[in-house]
PDB file of N, CA and C in Angstrom:
ATOM      1  N   TYR A   1       0.967  -1.176   0.064  1.00  0.00           N
ATOM      2  CA  TYR A   1      -0.105   0.051   0.182  1.00  0.00           C
ATOM      3  C   TYR A   1       0.855   1.155   0.149  1.00  0.00           C
ATOM      4  N   GLN A   2       2.100   1.497   0.336  1.00  0.00           N
ATOM      5  CA  GLN A   2       2.956   2.334   0.654  1.00  0.00           C
ATOM      6  C   GLN A   2       3.332   3.013  -0.917  1.00  0.00           C
ATOM      7  N   GLN A   3       3.249   2.272  -1.918  1.00  0.00           N
ATOM      8  CA  GLN A   3       3.401   2.686  -3.254  1.00  0.00           C
ATOM      9  C   GLN A   3       2.332   3.363  -3.781  1.00  0.00           C
ATOM     10  N   ASP A   4       1.112   3.421  -3.263  1.00  0.00           N
ATOM     11  CA  ASP A   4      -0.118   3.598  -3.745  1.00  0.00           C
ATOM     12  C   ASP A   4      -0.344   5.192  -3.076  1.00  0.00           C
ATOM     13  N   ALA A   5      -0.051   6.465  -4.011  1.00  0.00           N
ATOM     14  CA  ALA A   5      -0.052   7.381  -2.955  1.00  0.00           C
ATOM     15  C   ALA A   5      -1.397   7.937  -2.437  1.00  0.00           C
ATOM     16  N   ILE A   6      -2.699   7.587  -3.006  1.00  0.00           N
ATOM     17  CA  ILE A   6      -3.994   8.032  -2.575  1.00  0.00           C
ATOM     18  C   ILE A   6      -3.906   7.146  -1.463  1.00  0.00           C
ATOM     19  N   PHE A   7      -3.979   5.462  -1.541  1.00  0.00           N
ATOM     20  CA  PHE A   7      -4.294   5.008  -0.283  1.00  0.00           C
ATOM     21  C   PHE A   7      -3.451   5.304   0.918  1.00  0.00           C
ATOM     22  N   LEU A   8      -2.059   5.735   0.614  1.00  0.00           N
ATOM     23  CA  LEU A   8      -1.266   6.327   1.637  1.00  0.00           C
ATOM     24  C   LEU A   8      -1.887   7.666   2.505  1.00  0.00           C
ATOM     25  N   LYS A   9      -2.578   8.572   1.392  1.00  0.00           N
ATOM     26  CA  LYS A   9      -2.840   9.802   2.005  1.00  0.00           C
ATOM     27  C   LYS A   9      -3.977   9.322   2.914  1.00  0.00           C
ATOM     28  N   ILE A  10      -5.016   8.401   2.568  1.00  0.00           N
ATOM     29  CA  ILE A  10      -6.082   8.151   3.198  1.00  0.00           C
ATOM     30  C   ILE A  10      -5.659   7.535   4.266  1.00  0.00           C
ATOM     31  N   ILE A  11      -4.777   6.273   4.560  1.00  0.00           N
ATOM     32  CA  ILE A  11      -4.209   6.035   5.861  1.00  0.00           C
ATOM     33  C   ILE A  11      -3.655   7.084   6.899  1.00  0.00           C
ATOM     34  N   ASN A  12      -2.791   8.038   6.114  1.00  0.00           N
ATOM     35  CA  ASN A  12      -2.361   8.894   6.924  1.00  0.00           C
ATOM     36  C   ASN A  12      -3.554   9.728   7.706  1.00  0.00           C
ATOM     37  N   ARG A  13      -4.598  10.261   6.711  1.00  0.00           N
ATOM     38  CA  ARG A  13      -5.838  10.947   7.380  1.00  0.00           C
ATOM     39  C   ARG A  13      -6.501   9.978   8.577  1.00  0.00           C
ATOM     40  N   ILE A  14      -6.563   8.624   8.125  1.00  0.00           N
ATOM     41  CA  ILE A  14      -7.217   7.760   9.243  1.00  0.00           C
ATOM     42  C   ILE A  14      -6.390   7.846  10.474  1.00  0.00           C
ATOM     43  N   VAL A  15      -5.091   7.685  10.370  1.00  0.00           N
ATOM     44  CA  VAL A  15      -4.530   7.445  11.422  1.00  0.00           C
ATOM     45  C   VAL A  15      -4.494   8.829  12.468  1.00  0.00           C
ATOM     46  N   LYS A  16      -4.621   9.834  11.828  1.00  0.00           N
ATOM     47  CA  LYS A  16      -4.592  11.313  12.605  1.00  0.00           C
ATOM     48  C   LYS A  16      -5.801  11.514  13.121  1.00  0.00           C
ATOM     49  N   LYS A  17      -6.957  11.477  12.206  1.00  0.00           N
ATOM     50  CA  LYS A  17      -8.126  11.634  12.831  1.00  0.00           C
ATOM     51  C   LYS A  17      -8.861  10.679  13.672  1.00  0.00           C
ATOM     52  N   SER A  18      -9.015   9.585  13.339  1.00  0.00           N
ATOM     53  CA  SER A  18      -9.787   8.348  13.781  1.00  0.00           C
ATOM     54  C   SER A  18      -9.360   7.690  14.708  1.00  0.00           C
ATOM     55  N   PHE A  19      -8.344   7.506  15.065  1.00  0.00           N
ATOM     56  CA  PHE A  19      -7.548   6.511  15.993  1.00  0.00           C
ATOM     57  C   PHE A  19      -7.292   7.186  17.521  1.00  0.00           C
ATOM     58  N   ASN A  20      -8.290   6.596  18.265  1.00  0.00           N
ATOM     59  CA  ASN A  20      -7.911   7.022  19.945  1.00  0.00           C
ATOM     60  C   ASN A  20      -6.443   7.246  20.511  1.00  0.00           C
ATOM     61  N   GLU A  21      -6.341   7.632  21.783  1.00  0.00           N
ATOM     62  CA  GLU A  21      -5.195   7.680  22.132  1.00  0.00           C
ATOM     63  C   GLU A  21      -4.279   6.622  22.235  1.00  0.00           C
ATOM     64  N   SER A  22      -5.032   5.405  22.534  1.00  0.00           N
ATOM     65  CA  SER A  22      -4.199   4.164  22.695  1.00  0.00           C
ATOM     66  C   SER A  22      -3.870   3.653  21.187  1.00  0.00           C
ATOM     67  N   GLU A  23      -4.629   3.727  20.253  1.00  0.00           N
ATOM     68  CA  GLU A  23      -4.216   3.204  18.917  1.00  0.00           C
ATOM     69  C   GLU A  23      -2.755   4.039  18.333  1.00  0.00           C
ATOM     70  N   ASN A  24      -2.916   5.313  18.966  1.00  0.00           N
ATOM     71  CA  ASN A  24      -2.122   6.449  18.423  1.00  0.00           C
ATOM     72  C   ASN A  24      -0.847   6.255  18.919  1.00  0.00           C
ATOM     73  N   GLN A  25      -0.987   5.492  20.485  1.00  0.00           N
ATOM     74  CA  GLN A  25       0.396   5.186  21.020  1.00  0.00           C
ATOM     75  C   GLN A  25       0.863   3.831  20.384  1.00  0.00           C
ATOM     76  N   TYR A  26       0.018   3.110  20.012  1.00  0.00           N
ATOM     77  CA  TYR A  26       0.383   1.605  19.225  1.00  0.00           C
ATOM     78  C   TYR A  26       1.328   2.080  17.968  1.00  0.00           C
ATOM     79  N   VAL A  27       0.854   3.085  17.255  1.00  0.00           N
ATOM     80  CA  VAL A  27       1.381   3.331  16.171  1.00  0.00           C
ATOM     81  C   VAL A  27       2.851   3.738  16.548  1.00  0.00           C
ATOM     82  N   GLU A  28       2.820   5.048  17.177  1.00  0.00           N
ATOM     83  CA  GLU A  28       4.089   5.312  17.967  1.00  0.00           C
ATOM     84  C   GLU A  28       4.959   4.553  18.214  1.00  0.00           C
ATOM     85  N   ASP A  29       4.261   3.369  18.990  1.00  0.00           N
ATOM     86  CA  ASP A  29       5.519   2.275  19.498  1.00  0.00           C
ATOM     87  C   ASP A  29       5.985   1.368  18.371  1.00  0.00           C
ATOM     88  N   GLN A  30       5.127   1.057  17.409  1.00  0.00           N
ATOM     89  CA  GLN A  30       5.829   0.439  16.335  1.00  0.00           C
ATOM     90  C   GLN A  30       6.642   1.140  15.607  1.00  0.00           C
ATOM     91  N   VAL A  31       6.601   2.224  15.232  1.00  0.00           N
ATOM     92  CA  VAL A  31       7.560   3.383  14.694  1.00  0.00           C
ATOM     93  C   VAL A  31       8.861   3.131  15.384  1.00  0.00           C
ATOM     94  N   GLU A  32       8.687   3.518  16.767  1.00  0.00           N
ATOM     95  CA  GLU A  32       9.976   3.129  17.471  1.00  0.00           C
ATOM     96  C   GLU A  32      10.733   1.608  17.239  1.00  0.00           C
ATOM     97  N   PHE A  33       9.840   0.848  17.425  1.00  0.00           N
ATOM     98  CA  PHE A  33      10.204  -0.676  17.180  1.00  0.00           C
ATOM     99  C   PHE A  33      11.113  -0.882  16.072  1.00  0.00           C
ATOM    100  N   TRP A  34      10.495  -0.315  14.940  1.00  0.00           N
ATOM    101  CA  TRP A  34      10.917  -0.614  13.820  1.00  0.00           C
ATOM    102  C   TRP A  34      12.346   0.298  13.531  1.00  0.00           C
ATOM    103  N   GLU A  35      12.446   1.515  14.028  1.00  0.00           N
ATOM    104  CA  GLU A  35      13.672   2.084  13.899  1.00  0.00           C
ATOM    105  C   GLU A  35      14.776   1.541  15.017  1.00  0.00           C
ATOM    106  N   ASN A  36      14.358   1.081  15.779  1.00  0.00           N
ATOM    107  CA  ASN A  36      15.290   0.332  17.033  1.00  0.00           C
ATOM    108  C   ASN A  36      15.797  -0.935  16.275  1.00  0.00           C
ATOM    109  N   TYR A  37      14.845  -1.762  15.501  1.00  0.00           N
ATOM    110  CA  TYR A  37      14.954  -2.978  14.781  1.00  0.00           C
ATOM    111  C   TYR A  37      16.282  -2.677  13.673  1.00  0.00           C
ATOM    112  N   SER A  38      16.080  -1.463  12.786  1.00  0.00           N
ATOM    113  CA  SER A  38      17.055  -1.250  11.931  1.00  0.00           C
ATOM    114  C   SER A  38      18.248  -0.752  12.575  1.00  0.00           C
ATOM    115  N   GLN A  39      18.278   0.154  13.827  1.00  0.00           N
ATOM    116  CA  GLN A  39      19.600  -0.214  14.197  1.00  0.00           C
ATOM    117  C   GLN A  39      20.374  -0.852  14.842  1.00  0.00           C
ATOM    118  N   LEU A  40      19.497  -1.980  15.095  1.00  0.00           N
ATOM    119  CA  LEU A  40      19.926  -3.330  15.969  1.00  0.00           C
ATOM    120  C   LEU A  40      20.510  -4.146  14.857  1.00  0.00           C
ATOM    121  N   THR A  41      19.967  -4.096  13.478  1.00  0.00           N
ATOM    122  CA  THR A  41      20.519  -5.100  12.402  1.00  0.00           C
ATOM    123  C   THR A  41      21.720  -4.339  11.928  1.00  0.00           C
ATOM    124  N   ASP A  42      21.548  -3.037  11.634  1.00  0.00           N
ATOM    125  CA  ASP A  42      22.899  -2.504  11.248  1.00  0.00           C
ATOM    126  C   ASP A  42      24.125  -2.747  12.269  1.00  0.00           C
ATOM    127  N   ARG A  43      23.831  -2.764  13.648  1.00  0.00           N
ATOM    128  CA  ARG A  43      24.971  -3.493  14.441  1.00  0.00           C
ATOM    129  C   ARG A  43      25.471  -4.734  14.331  1.00  0.00           C
ATOM    130  N   LEU A  44      24.287  -5.555  14.432  1.00  0.00           N
ATOM    131  CA  LEU A  44      24.603  -6.926  14.118  1.00  0.00           C
ATOM    132  C   LEU A  44      25.393  -7.160  12.900  1.00  0.00           C
ATOM    133  N   TYR A  45      25.162  -6.352  11.718  1.00  0.00           N
ATOM    134  CA  TYR A  45      25.864  -6.727  10.438  1.00  0.00           C
ATOM    135  C   TYR A  45      27.299  -6.370  10.564  1.00  0.00           C
ATOM    136  N   ASP A  46      27.356  -5.065  11.328  1.00  0.00           N
ATOM    137  CA  ASP A  46      28.768  -4.704  11.556  1.00  0.00           C
ATOM    138  C   ASP A  46      29.294  -5.835  12.490  1.00  0.00           C
ATOM    139  N   TYR A  47      28.967  -6.409  13.243  1.00  0.00           N
ATOM    140  CA  TYR A  47      29.489  -7.394  14.068  1.00  0.00           C
ATOM    141  C   TYR A  47      29.672  -9.019  13.365  1.00  0.00           C
ATOM    142  N   GLY A  48      28.810  -8.951  12.246  1.00  0.00           N
ATOM    143  CA  GLY A  48      28.953 -10.299  11.835  1.00  0.00           C
ATOM    144  C   GLY A  48      27.907 -11.506  12.703  1.00  0.00           C
ATOM    145  N   LEU A  49      26.891 -10.647  13.244  1.00  0.00           N
ATOM    146  CA  LEU A  49      26.089 -11.822  13.993  1.00  0.00           C
ATOM    147  C   LEU A  49      24.954 -12.030  13.590  1.00  0.00           C
ATOM    148  N   ASN A  50      24.571 -11.276  12.508  1.00  0.00           N
ATOM    149  CA  ASN A  50      23.102 -11.440  12.064  1.00  0.00           C
ATOM    150  C   ASN A  50      22.860 -12.769  11.529  1.00  0.00           C
ATOM    151  N   ASP A  51      23.788 -13.453  10.991  1.00  0.00           N
ATOM    152  CA  ASP A  51      23.577 -14.702  10.200  1.00  0.00           C
ATOM    153  C   ASP A  51      22.934 -15.810  11.260  1.00  0.00           C
ATOM    154  N   GLY A  52      22.931 -15.664  12.405  1.00  0.00           N
ATOM    155  CA  GLY A  52      22.536 -16.614  13.340  1.00  0.00           C
ATOM    156  C   GLY A  52      21.347 -16.478  13.874  1.00  0.00           C
ATOM    157  N   ILE A  53      20.536 -15.442  13.781  1.00  0.00           N
ATOM    158  CA  ILE A  53      19.105 -14.866  13.889  1.00  0.00           C
ATOM    159  C   ILE A  53      18.285 -14.038  12.999  1.00  0.00           C
ATOM    160  N   GLU A  54      18.851 -14.402  11.854  1.00  0.00           N
ATOM    161  CA  GLU A  54      18.206 -13.597  10.821  1.00  0.00           C
ATOM    162  C   GLU A  54      16.834 -13.848  10.541  1.00  0.00           C
ATOM    163  N   GLN A  55      16.756 -15.389  10.511  1.00  0.00           N
ATOM    164  CA  GLN A  55      15.397 -16.098  10.284  1.00  0.00           C
ATOM    165  C   GLN A  55      14.223 -15.660  11.346  1.00  0.00           C
ATOM    166  N   GLY A  56      14.613 -15.623  12.898  1.00  0.00           N
ATOM    167  CA  GLY A  56      13.966 -14.994  13.792  1.00  0.00           C
ATOM    168  C   GLY A  56      13.175 -13.767  13.570  1.00  0.00           C
ATOM    169  N   MET A  57      14.274 -12.797  13.200  1.00  0.00           N
ATOM    170  CA  MET A  57      13.989 -11.275  12.652  1.00  0.00           C
ATOM    171  C   MET A  57      13.046 -11.532  11.485  1.00  0.00           C
ATOM    172  N   LYS A  58      13.326 -12.258  10.566  1.00  0.00           N
ATOM    173  CA  LYS A  58      12.398 -11.705   9.501  1.00  0.00           C
ATOM    174  C   LYS A  58      11.110 -12.091   9.702  1.00  0.00           C
ATOM    175  N   LYS A  59      10.946 -13.537  10.493  1.00  0.00           N
ATOM    176  CA  LYS A  59       9.626 -14.038  10.840  1.00  0.00           C
ATOM    177  C   LYS A  59       8.915 -13.004  11.683  1.00  0.00           C
ATOM    178  N   GLY A  60       9.501 -12.315  12.798  1.00  0.00           N
ATOM    179  CA  GLY A  60       9.013 -11.110  13.605  1.00  0.00           C
ATOM    180  C   GLY A  60       8.310  -9.980  12.501  1.00  0.00           C
ATOM    181  N   MET A  61       9.331  -9.730  11.662  1.00  0.00           N
ATOM    182  CA  MET A  61       9.106  -8.754  10.606  1.00  0.00           C
ATOM    183  C   MET A  61       7.859  -8.921   9.860  1.00  0.00           C
ATOM    184  N   GLU A  62       7.635 -10.246   9.299  1.00  0.00           N
ATOM    185  CA  GLU A  62       6.411 -10.776   8.390  1.00  0.00           C
ATOM    186  C   GLU A  62       5.182 -10.607   9.452  1.00  0.00           C
ATOM    187  N   GLU A  63       5.471 -11.078  10.673  1.00  0.00           N
ATOM    188  CA  GLU A  63       4.179 -10.831  11.706  1.00  0.00           C
ATOM    189  C   GLU A  63       3.706  -9.577  11.773  1.00  0.00           C
ATOM    190  N   GLY A  64       4.743  -8.610  12.115  1.00  0.00           N
ATOM    191  CA  GLY A  64       4.620  -7.336  12.478  1.00  0.00           C
ATOM    192  C   GLY A  64       3.730  -6.995  11.276  1.00  0.00           C
ATOM    193  N   LYS A  65       4.126  -6.936  10.209  1.00  0.00           N
ATOM    194  CA  LYS A  65       3.546  -6.509   8.573  1.00  0.00           C
ATOM    195  C   LYS A  65       2.184  -6.774   8.327  1.00  0.00           C
ATOM    196  N   GLU A  66       2.020  -8.124   8.856  1.00  0.00           N
ATOM    197  CA  GLU A  66       0.489  -8.718   8.820  1.00  0.00           C
ATOM    198  C   GLU A  66      -0.300  -8.218   9.813  1.00  0.00           C
ATOM    199  N   ALA A  67       0.172  -8.012  11.119  1.00  0.00           N
ATOM    200  CA  ALA A  67      -0.581  -7.164  11.891  1.00  0.00           C
ATOM    201  C   ALA A  67      -0.580  -5.651  11.645  1.00  0.00           C
ATOM    202  N   GLU A  68       0.007  -5.097  11.149  1.00  0.00           N
ATOM    203  CA  GLU A  68      -0.188  -3.897  10.503  1.00  0.00           C
ATOM    204  C   GLU A  68      -1.340  -3.807   9.265  1.00  0.00           C
ATOM    205  N   LYS A  69      -1.203  -5.069   8.560  1.00  0.00           N
ATOM    206  CA  LYS A  69      -2.336  -4.884   7.525  1.00  0.00           C
ATOM    207  C   LYS A  69      -3.673  -5.071   8.033  1.00  0.00           C
ATOM    208  N   ILE A  70      -3.738  -6.036   9.157  1.00  0.00           N
ATOM    209  CA  ILE A  70      -4.994  -6.244   9.818  1.00  0.00           C
ATOM    210  C   ILE A  70      -5.508  -4.696  10.200  1.00  0.00           C
ATOM    211  N   GLN A  71      -4.445  -4.254  11.045  1.00  0.00           N
ATOM    212  CA  GLN A  71      -4.966  -3.000  11.769  1.00  0.00           C
ATOM    213  C   GLN A  71      -5.276  -1.800  10.821  1.00  0.00           C
ATOM    214  N   ILE A  72      -4.816  -1.678   9.753  1.00  0.00           N
ATOM    215  CA  ILE A  72      -5.459  -0.787   8.739  1.00  0.00           C
ATOM    216  C   ILE A  72      -6.487  -1.198   8.241  1.00  0.00           C
ATOM    217  N   ALA A  73      -6.957  -2.629   7.780  1.00  0.00           N
ATOM    218  CA  ALA A  73      -8.153  -3.215   7.351  1.00  0.00           C
ATOM    219  C   ALA A  73      -9.035  -2.736   8.292  1.00  0.00           C
ATOM    220  N   VAL A  74      -8.717  -2.766   9.593  1.00  0.00           N
ATOM    221  CA  VAL A  74      -9.904  -2.455  10.529  1.00  0.00           C
ATOM    222  C   VAL A  74     -10.443  -0.881  10.564  1.00  0.00           C
ATOM    223  N   ALA A  75      -9.403  -0.163  10.501  1.00  0.00           N
ATOM    224  CA  ALA A  75      -9.472   1.262  10.278  1.00  0.00           C
ATOM    225  C   ALA A  75     -10.349   1.674   9.237  1.00  0.00           C
ATOM    226  N   LEU A  76     -10.238   0.703   8.167  1.00  0.00           N
ATOM    227  CA  LEU A  76     -11.270   1.195   6.819  1.00  0.00           C
ATOM    228  C   LEU A  76     -12.222   0.796   6.614  1.00  0.00           C
ATOM    229  N   LEU A  77     -12.506  -0.297   7.481  1.00  0.00           N
ATOM    230  CA  LEU A  77     -13.986  -0.984   7.526  1.00  0.00           C
ATOM    231  C   LEU A  77     -14.901  -0.255   7.324  1.00  0.00           C
ATOM    232  N   ASP A  78     -14.899   0.812   7.996  1.00  0.00           N
ATOM    233  CA  ASP A  78     -16.278   1.988   7.965  1.00  0.00           C
ATOM    234  C   ASP A  78     -16.505   2.928   6.809  1.00  0.00           C
ATOM    235  N   ILE A  79     -15.257   2.804   5.841  1.00  0.00           N
ATOM    236  CA  ILE A  79     -15.435   3.960   4.742  1.00  0.00           C
ATOM    237  C   ILE A  79     -15.145   3.090   3.493  1.00  0.00           C
ATOM    238  N   LEU A  80     -14.626   1.771   3.431  1.00  0.00           N
ATOM    239  CA  LEU A  80     -14.586   1.423   2.045  1.00  0.00           C
ATOM    240  C   LEU A  80     -14.944  -0.083   2.128  1.00  0.00           C
ATOM    241  N   GLU A  81     -15.116  -0.442   0.872  1.00  0.00           N
ATOM    242  CA  GLU A  81     -15.955  -1.950   0.720  1.00  0.00           C
ATOM    243  C   GLU A  81     -14.728  -3.141   0.896  1.00  0.00           C
ATOM    244  N   VAL A  82     -15.201  -4.048   1.216  1.00  0.00           N
ATOM    245  CA  VAL A  82     -14.260  -5.356   1.531  1.00  0.00           C
ATOM    246  C   VAL A  82     -13.311  -5.347   0.484  1.00  0.00           C
ATOM    247  N   GLU A  83     -13.789  -5.760  -0.690  1.00  0.00           N
ATOM    248  CA  GLU A  83     -13.093  -5.876  -1.879  1.00  0.00           C
ATOM    249  C   GLU A  83     -11.843  -4.885  -2.161  1.00  0.00           C
ATOM    250  N   ILE A  84     -11.972  -3.666  -1.853  1.00  0.00           N
ATOM    251  CA  ILE A  84     -11.047  -2.694  -1.887  1.00  0.00           C
ATOM    252  C   ILE A  84     -10.023  -2.927  -0.952  1.00  0.00           C
ATOM    253  N   ILE A  85     -10.496  -3.208   0.483  1.00  0.00           N
ATOM    254  CA  ILE A  85      -9.903  -3.101   1.513  1.00  0.00           C
ATOM    255  C   ILE A  85      -8.797  -4.328   1.052  1.00  0.00           C
ATOM    256  N   ALA A  86      -9.189  -5.575   0.862  1.00  0.00           N
ATOM    257  CA  ALA A  86      -8.558  -6.547   0.659  1.00  0.00           C
ATOM    258  C   ALA A  86      -7.388  -6.672  -0.407  1.00  0.00           C
ATOM    259  N   LYS A  87      -8.000  -5.864  -1.725  1.00  0.00           N
ATOM    260  CA  LYS A  87      -6.848  -5.403  -2.591  1.00  0.00           C
ATOM    261  C   LYS A  87      -5.600  -4.646  -2.080  1.00  0.00           C
ATOM    262  N   LYS A  88      -6.057  -3.480  -1.327  1.00  0.00           N
ATOM    263  CA  LYS A  88      -5.065  -2.548  -0.822  1.00  0.00           C
ATOM    264  C   LYS A  88      -4.138  -2.973   0.129  1.00  0.00           C
ATOM    265  N   THR A  89      -4.769  -3.994   0.940  1.00  0.00           N
ATOM    266  CA  THR A  89      -3.824  -4.601   2.132  1.00  0.00           C
ATOM    267  C   THR A  89      -2.900  -5.867   1.698  1.00  0.00           C
ATOM    268  N   ASN A  90      -3.785  -6.301   0.758  1.00  0.00           N
ATOM    269  CA  ASN A  90      -3.014  -7.887   0.305  1.00  0.00           C
ATOM    270  C   ASN A  90      -3.599  -8.750   1.215  1.00  0.00           C
ATOM    271  N   LEU A  91      -4.927  -8.526   2.090  1.00  0.00           N
ATOM    272  CA  LEU A  91      -5.229  -9.674   2.988  1.00  0.00           C
ATOM    273  C   LEU A  91      -6.495 -10.311   1.842  1.00  0.00           C
ATOM    274  N   SER A  92      -6.750 -11.635   2.320  1.00  0.00           N
ATOM    275  CA  SER A  92      -7.797 -12.119   1.429  1.00  0.00           C
ATOM    276  C   SER A  92      -9.136 -11.608   1.854  1.00  0.00           C
ATOM    277  N   ILE A  93     -10.005 -11.739   0.915  1.00  0.00           N
ATOM    278  CA  ILE A  93     -11.540 -11.142   0.908  1.00  0.00           C
ATOM    279  C   ILE A  93     -12.218 -11.995   2.328  1.00  0.00           C
ATOM    280  N   GLU A  94     -11.947 -13.131   2.667  1.00  0.00           N
ATOM    281  CA  GLU A  94     -12.236 -13.672   3.597  1.00  0.00           C
ATOM    282  C   GLU A  94     -11.771 -13.313   4.852  1.00  0.00           C
ATOM    283  N   THR A  95     -10.531 -13.244   5.105  1.00  0.00           N
ATOM    284  CA  THR A  95      -9.953 -12.336   6.497  1.00  0.00           C
ATOM    285  C   THR A  95     -10.642 -11.154   6.719  1.00  0.00           C
ATOM    286  N   VAL A  96     -10.784 -10.096   5.595  1.00  0.00           N
ATOM    287  CA  VAL A  96     -11.282  -8.784   5.684  1.00  0.00           C
ATOM    288  C   VAL A  96     -13.026  -9.066   6.519  1.00  0.00           C
ATOM    289  N   GLN A  97     -13.397  -9.996   5.574  1.00  0.00           N
ATOM    290  CA  GLN A  97     -14.821 -10.117   6.039  1.00  0.00           C
ATOM    291  C   GLN A  97     -14.986 -10.814   7.621  1.00  0.00           C
ATOM    292  N   ASN A  98     -14.328 -11.495   7.819  1.00  0.00           N
ATOM    293  CA  ASN A  98     -13.879 -11.932   9.173  1.00  0.00           C
ATOM    294  C   ASN A  98     -13.857 -10.615  10.218  1.00  0.00           C
ATOM    295  N   LEU A  99     -12.781  -9.666   9.980  1.00  0.00           N
ATOM    296  CA  LEU A  99     -12.494  -8.501  10.836  1.00  0.00           C
ATOM    297  C   LEU A  99     -13.980  -7.789  10.633  1.00  0.00           C
ATOM    298  N   LYS A 100     -14.612  -7.758   9.806  1.00  0.00           N
ATOM    299  CA  LYS A 100     -15.880  -6.818   9.920  1.00  0.00           C
ATOM    300  C   LYS A 100     -16.972  -7.493  10.713  1.00  0.00           C
ATOM    301  N   ARG A 101     -16.943  -8.861  10.935  1.00  0.00           N
ATOM    302  CA  ARG A 101     -17.756  -9.722  11.651  1.00  0.00           C
ATOM    303  C   ARG A 101     -17.650  -9.224  13.055  1.00  0.00           C
ATOM    304  N   LEU A 102     -16.332  -8.992  13.459  1.00  0.00           N
ATOM    305  CA  LEU A 102     -15.725  -8.730  14.930  1.00  0.00           C
ATOM    306  C   LEU A 102     -16.403  -7.591  15.490  1.00  0.00           C
TER     307      LEU A 102
END
């Protein structure tokens, strides 16, 4: 979704206008986490230690991205149709429909 300028603008507006304080804190925490993660991986590469833990980090990143997609989908449920959300987040239609039922 980050390559889609219009979708990115929608997400930025949603983040700023519709999230409550705890949701905004979650987003800030995620940004801080990924910044720290980036710094850590840079240091690990510098020391040549990254080979042993790269798989675990990769899995954590994938899980983080999936969680982010779900959070975005939930935020969009009130304003976009399920099919559009699924297409823009790369989640399955079934997953988005299940989120809508919650």
